[in-house]
Protein backbone atom coordinates (compact mmCIF):
# COMPACT_ATOMS: atom_id res chain seq x y z
CA MET A 1 -13.53 23.94 29.21
CA THR A 2 -13.60 20.41 27.77
CA THR A 3 -14.33 17.58 30.19
CA TYR A 4 -12.45 14.40 29.37
CA ILE A 5 -13.96 11.04 30.31
CA ILE A 6 -10.66 9.28 29.53
CA GLU A 7 -7.18 10.75 29.86
CA THR A 8 -3.91 8.88 29.58
CA ARG A 9 -0.42 10.19 30.17
CA ASP A 10 2.57 8.49 28.53
CA LEU A 11 0.65 5.20 28.51
CA THR A 12 3.11 2.50 27.50
CA LYS A 13 3.04 -1.28 27.19
CA LYS A 14 5.99 -3.51 26.36
CA PHE A 15 5.87 -7.25 25.81
CA GLY A 16 9.48 -8.23 26.28
CA LYS A 17 11.39 -6.06 23.82
CA PHE A 18 8.30 -5.34 21.71
CA MET A 19 6.78 -1.87 22.24
CA ALA A 20 3.03 -2.40 21.71
CA VAL A 21 1.91 1.01 23.00
CA ASP A 22 4.39 3.88 23.07
CA HIS A 23 3.76 6.89 25.36
CA VAL A 24 0.15 7.44 24.28
CA ASN A 25 -1.74 10.52 25.54
CA LEU A 26 -5.45 10.00 24.85
CA GLN A 27 -8.10 12.62 25.56
CA VAL A 28 -11.66 11.36 25.10
CA PRO A 29 -14.19 14.21 25.55
CA LYS A 30 -17.47 13.68 27.36
CA GLY A 31 -20.60 13.30 25.26
CA GLY A 32 -19.03 12.41 21.93
CA ILE A 33 -17.98 9.44 19.85
CA TYR A 34 -14.21 8.99 19.81
CA GLY A 35 -12.94 6.92 16.90
CA PHE A 36 -9.74 5.10 17.82
CA LEU A 37 -8.35 4.39 14.39
CA GLY A 38 -5.38 2.41 13.16
CA PRO A 39 -4.28 -0.58 11.07
CA ASN A 40 -4.52 -4.08 12.50
CA GLY A 41 -1.75 -4.55 15.05
CA ALA A 42 -1.36 -0.81 15.64
CA GLY A 43 -1.92 -1.05 19.42
CA LYS A 44 -5.66 -0.31 19.67
CA SER A 45 -6.76 -3.43 21.56
CA THR A 46 -3.77 -3.31 23.92
CA THR A 47 -4.60 0.30 24.76
CA ILE A 48 -8.25 -0.57 25.39
CA ARG A 49 -7.27 -3.41 27.71
CA MET A 50 -5.16 -0.99 29.74
CA LEU A 51 -8.04 1.51 29.87
CA LEU A 52 -10.18 -1.22 31.41
CA GLY A 53 -7.46 -2.46 33.76
CA LEU A 54 -7.43 -5.86 32.05
CA ILE A 55 -3.66 -5.69 31.57
CA LYS A 56 -1.10 -3.66 33.51
CA GLU A 57 0.69 -0.81 31.81
CA SER A 58 4.51 -0.83 31.67
CA MET A 59 4.53 2.87 32.50
CA GLY A 60 2.24 5.91 32.42
CA ASN A 61 -1.23 6.22 33.87
CA VAL A 62 -4.92 6.10 33.00
CA LYS A 63 -7.64 8.35 34.38
CA VAL A 64 -11.30 7.59 33.78
CA PHE A 65 -13.93 10.02 35.10
CA GLY A 66 -10.99 11.97 36.51
CA LYS A 67 -9.83 9.10 38.73
CA PRO A 68 -6.81 6.76 38.33
CA ILE A 69 -8.00 3.34 37.13
CA LYS A 70 -5.38 1.55 39.26
CA GLU A 71 -6.63 3.15 42.47
CA ASP A 72 -10.41 2.88 42.03
CA ARG A 73 -10.88 0.23 39.34
CA LEU A 74 -14.07 -1.49 40.57
CA ALA A 75 -15.96 1.75 41.17
CA ILE A 76 -14.90 3.05 37.75
CA LEU A 77 -15.79 -0.17 35.91
CA LYS A 78 -19.34 0.00 37.29
CA ARG A 79 -19.77 3.13 35.17
CA ILE A 80 -18.33 1.55 32.00
CA GLY A 81 -19.81 -0.87 29.49
CA SER A 82 -17.44 -2.64 27.12
CA MET A 83 -17.25 -5.17 24.32
CA VAL A 84 -13.70 -6.25 23.57
CA GLU A 85 -13.27 -8.44 20.50
CA THR A 86 -16.28 -10.78 20.14
CA PRO A 87 -19.25 -10.74 22.54
CA SER A 88 -19.65 -13.60 25.03
CA TYR A 89 -22.93 -15.51 24.97
CA TYR A 90 -24.42 -18.99 25.25
CA ALA A 91 -25.56 -19.94 21.75
CA HIS A 92 -28.28 -22.37 22.91
CA LEU A 93 -29.93 -19.76 25.13
CA THR A 94 -32.19 -16.93 24.00
CA ALA A 95 -31.15 -13.29 23.89
CA ARG A 96 -33.18 -12.58 27.01
CA GLU A 97 -31.72 -15.56 28.89
CA ASN A 98 -28.18 -14.42 28.04
CA LEU A 99 -28.94 -10.92 29.27
CA GLU A 100 -30.47 -12.33 32.46
CA ILE A 101 -27.19 -14.10 33.25
CA THR A 102 -25.23 -10.88 32.73
CA ARG A 103 -27.80 -8.89 34.72
CA LYS A 104 -27.43 -11.19 37.73
CA ILE A 105 -23.63 -10.99 37.59
CA LEU A 106 -23.79 -7.19 37.51
CA GLY A 107 -26.53 -7.02 40.11
CA VAL A 108 -28.72 -4.59 38.16
CA GLU A 109 -32.53 -4.29 38.08
CA LYS A 110 -34.65 -6.72 36.03
CA ASN A 111 -36.22 -3.91 34.01
CA GLU A 112 -32.78 -3.24 32.54
CA ILE A 113 -33.23 -6.17 30.14
CA ALA A 114 -36.27 -4.67 28.44
CA ARG A 115 -34.52 -1.30 28.25
CA VAL A 116 -31.38 -2.53 26.51
CA LEU A 117 -33.31 -4.85 24.18
CA GLU A 118 -35.27 -1.81 23.01
CA ILE A 119 -32.10 0.24 22.49
CA VAL A 120 -30.50 -2.40 20.25
CA LYS A 121 -33.80 -3.30 18.57
CA LEU A 122 -33.86 -6.97 19.58
CA THR A 123 -37.14 -6.89 21.52
CA ASN A 124 -39.00 -8.86 18.83
CA VAL A 125 -36.44 -11.69 18.84
CA GLN A 126 -35.64 -11.78 22.56
CA HIS A 127 -36.97 -15.35 22.90
CA LYS A 128 -35.03 -16.67 19.91
CA ALA A 129 -31.93 -18.85 20.44
CA VAL A 130 -28.76 -16.84 19.79
CA LYS A 131 -27.37 -19.60 17.56
CA LYS A 132 -30.05 -18.60 15.04
CA PHE A 133 -28.98 -14.94 15.07
CA SER A 134 -27.10 -13.27 12.24
CA LEU A 135 -23.63 -11.94 13.06
CA GLY A 136 -25.03 -8.41 13.19
CA MET A 137 -27.70 -9.46 15.69
CA LYS A 138 -25.04 -11.14 17.82
CA GLN A 139 -23.02 -7.93 17.83
CA ARG A 140 -26.10 -5.96 18.89
CA LEU A 141 -26.68 -8.47 21.68
CA GLY A 142 -23.08 -7.89 22.81
CA ILE A 143 -23.72 -4.15 22.88
CA ALA A 144 -26.94 -4.78 24.85
CA GLN A 145 -24.89 -6.69 27.44
CA ALA A 146 -22.46 -3.76 27.61
CA LEU A 147 -25.36 -1.32 28.13
CA LEU A 148 -26.80 -3.15 31.15
CA GLY A 149 -26.61 -0.91 34.19
CA ASN A 150 -26.83 2.28 32.12
CA PRO A 151 -23.08 3.02 31.82
CA GLU A 152 -21.77 6.54 31.23
CA LEU A 153 -18.98 5.28 28.97
CA LEU A 154 -19.15 2.55 26.33
CA ILE A 155 -15.94 1.05 24.91
CA LEU A 156 -16.29 -1.04 21.74
CA ASP A 157 -13.36 -2.83 20.12
CA GLU A 158 -13.94 -3.33 16.36
CA PRO A 159 -17.74 -3.83 16.69
CA THR A 160 -18.35 -3.93 12.91
CA ASN A 161 -15.58 -6.42 12.15
CA GLY A 162 -16.79 -9.16 9.80
CA LEU A 163 -20.27 -7.72 9.29
CA ASP A 164 -21.99 -7.41 5.93
CA PRO A 165 -22.98 -3.89 4.73
CA SER A 166 -26.47 -4.03 6.27
CA GLY A 167 -25.04 -5.19 9.61
CA ILE A 168 -22.47 -2.38 9.55
CA ILE A 169 -25.21 0.20 8.96
CA GLU A 170 -27.29 -1.20 11.85
CA ILE A 171 -24.37 -0.98 14.29
CA ARG A 172 -23.36 2.46 13.03
CA GLU A 173 -26.84 3.94 13.50
CA LEU A 174 -27.10 2.34 16.94
CA ILE A 175 -23.79 3.84 18.07
CA LYS A 176 -24.59 7.29 16.65
CA ASN A 177 -27.77 7.45 18.73
CA LEU A 178 -26.16 6.61 22.07
CA PRO A 179 -24.71 10.06 22.93
CA LYS A 180 -27.74 11.94 21.60
CA GLU A 181 -30.49 9.86 23.16
CA TYR A 182 -28.86 8.35 26.24
CA GLY A 183 -25.96 10.68 27.08
CA ILE A 184 -23.39 7.88 26.72
CA THR A 185 -19.83 8.70 25.65
CA VAL A 186 -18.51 6.12 23.17
CA LEU A 187 -14.96 5.05 22.37
CA ILE A 188 -14.93 2.82 19.30
CA SER A 189 -11.84 1.26 17.75
CA SER A 190 -11.65 0.40 14.07
CA HIS A 191 -9.21 -0.05 11.21
CA ILE A 192 -11.76 1.27 8.69
CA LEU A 193 -11.56 5.04 8.20
CA SER A 194 -14.84 5.29 6.27
CA GLU A 195 -16.75 3.84 9.24
CA ILE A 196 -15.16 6.18 11.76
CA GLU A 197 -15.76 9.14 9.45
CA LEU A 198 -19.51 8.42 9.34
CA MET A 199 -20.03 8.27 13.11
CA ALA A 200 -17.21 9.85 15.13
CA THR A 201 -16.99 13.40 16.45
CA HIS A 202 -13.35 12.98 17.48
CA VAL A 203 -10.57 10.73 16.26
CA GLY A 204 -7.22 9.40 17.42
CA ILE A 205 -4.94 7.70 14.88
CA ILE A 206 -2.45 5.15 16.18
CA ASN A 207 0.18 3.15 14.34
CA ASN A 208 3.12 1.08 15.61
CA GLY A 209 1.99 1.94 19.13
CA LYS A 210 2.31 5.72 18.64
CA LEU A 211 -0.58 8.20 18.68
CA LEU A 212 0.04 10.13 15.46
CA PHE A 213 -3.02 12.38 15.37
CA GLN A 214 -5.75 13.42 17.80
CA GLY A 215 -8.52 15.94 17.32
CA THR A 216 -12.00 16.48 15.96
CA MET A 217 -13.12 15.03 12.65
CA ASP A 218 -13.17 18.63 11.38
CA ASP A 219 -9.50 18.93 12.38
CA LEU A 220 -8.74 15.85 10.29
CA ARG A 221 -10.80 17.15 7.36
CA GLY A 222 -8.83 20.38 7.62
CA LYS A 223 -5.82 18.44 6.37
CA GLN A 224 -7.59 17.95 3.03
CA LYS A 225 -5.49 20.61 1.31
CA ALA A 226 -6.37 21.46 -2.26
CA VAL A 227 -3.86 21.36 -5.11
CA ILE A 228 -4.09 22.23 -8.80
CA GLN A 229 -3.63 19.09 -10.90
CA MET A 230 -2.44 19.48 -14.48
CA GLU A 231 -1.63 17.02 -17.28
CA VAL A 232 0.76 18.50 -19.84
CA GLU A 233 2.87 17.59 -22.88
CA PRO A 234 5.72 17.38 -23.65
CA ARG A 235 6.46 16.80 -19.99
CA VAL A 236 10.24 17.31 -19.92
CA GLU A 237 10.05 20.58 -21.87
CA VAL A 238 7.17 21.87 -19.69
CA GLU A 239 9.13 21.21 -16.49
CA ALA A 240 12.17 23.01 -17.91
CA PHE A 241 9.97 25.98 -18.89
CA LEU A 242 8.37 26.18 -15.42
CA ASN A 243 11.80 26.07 -13.80
CA ASP A 244 12.97 28.89 -16.08
CA ILE A 245 10.08 31.20 -15.17
CA GLY A 246 10.28 30.32 -11.45
CA ILE A 247 6.98 28.46 -10.93
CA SER A 248 7.24 25.73 -8.29
CA TYR A 249 5.48 22.39 -8.67
CA THR A 250 5.57 18.75 -7.65
CA GLY A 251 4.68 15.78 -9.79
CA ASP A 252 4.10 12.09 -10.27
CA GLU A 253 4.26 9.91 -13.38
CA ARG A 254 1.18 11.52 -14.91
CA PHE A 255 0.41 14.91 -13.33
CA LEU A 256 2.02 18.13 -12.19
CA TYR A 257 0.69 19.70 -8.97
CA PHE A 258 0.63 23.40 -8.07
CA ASP A 259 -0.34 25.47 -5.06
CA PRO A 260 -3.82 27.01 -5.75
CA ASN A 261 -2.41 30.41 -4.75
CA LEU A 262 -0.21 30.36 -7.88
CA GLN A 263 -3.13 31.42 -10.13
CA PRO A 264 -3.78 28.30 -12.25
CA ALA A 265 -5.40 30.32 -15.06
CA LYS A 266 -2.19 32.30 -15.49
CA ILE A 267 -0.05 29.12 -15.55
CA ASN A 268 -2.42 27.59 -18.10
CA ARG A 269 -2.21 30.71 -20.30
CA GLU A 270 1.59 30.78 -20.11
CA LEU A 271 1.88 27.13 -21.14
CA ILE A 272 -0.55 27.36 -24.04
CA SER A 273 0.88 30.63 -25.35
CA ASN A 274 4.31 29.00 -25.42
CA GLY A 275 3.08 26.06 -27.49
CA TYR A 276 2.63 23.41 -24.78
CA ASP A 277 -0.43 21.14 -24.58
CA VAL A 278 -2.58 21.16 -21.44
CA HIS A 279 -4.86 18.11 -21.44
CA GLN A 280 -6.29 18.47 -17.97
CA LEU A 281 -6.55 21.21 -15.37
CA MET A 282 -8.51 20.67 -12.17
CA MET A 283 -8.65 21.33 -8.44
CA LYS A 284 -7.94 18.20 -6.41
CA LYS A 285 -8.47 17.63 -2.70
CA HIS A 286 -6.77 14.77 -0.93
CA SER A 287 -9.25 12.24 0.38
CA LEU A 288 -9.40 11.38 4.07
CA GLU A 289 -8.09 7.94 3.12
CA GLU A 290 -4.99 9.51 1.53
CA ILE A 291 -4.50 11.65 4.64
CA PHE A 292 -4.87 8.60 6.89
CA LEU A 293 -2.32 6.67 4.83
CA SER A 294 0.02 9.66 4.93
CA ILE A 295 -0.29 9.99 8.73
CA THR A 296 0.36 6.27 9.24
CA GLY A 297 3.33 6.37 6.88
CA LYS A 298 1.76 4.16 4.23
CA GLU A 299 1.66 6.83 1.52
CA GLU A 300 3.14 10.25 0.80
CA ILE A 301 0.89 13.22 0.05
CA LEU A 302 2.25 15.46 -2.68
């Protein structure tokens, strides 16, 4: 039986008449990386703030570690590390000095600083002023702050936002190691499907405040249905012929698409033997990006 670190039921947030989060039912399994995916303004950050008790829900409830956040918030938050939007730090202080301030606020042991610096690979620059850090290093410092106290759950809101490719890779590899090496469950929000695909075990897709898909990455990949793609001429005559012999298809401006179960070799033979030109015949799978756009209503899948 799956153990869920986070569960929400009909979680809803309205700002006046605007529905920011609309009856969302999240299930974040223990020990994995849950990618919370959606376009900018989809409701990701608002949901995360409710998970942390930073803003009050309009209706619904949140359970973390099996307990309602509204009833036991402080005890629950001691087991959570989070970085919402940009990390907070004093630019003129060193990485170690910034972590020392956070450590004292949290009341955790001094040896925690060395531990988290090692995890995020900032040990060699711990005495360097943060104002001299790259953006990627600053993000890693923010994650180090979130890891102080050895949390069981880490919540990261768009941690790769604004990073260059090398910075994105650094953060991605860091996050991927957390469940395996430290037993930390991670919830990471992003609007970039390719990033979530490379690190998440589970995914939830939200748009306009509604949770449109939730499952494993394999579940999402399972939506990559194959179709036979064919380019033919003359198009109007070919379509009339296919209609006459009862072969179903869909199409766009350039291609016709067929179900793979319709024996593409037979269709090809029929067309050629009746004098039609077939310029291209191939198997096509919809990309995850196309599926994401279809789920969020930005594009139709044929």
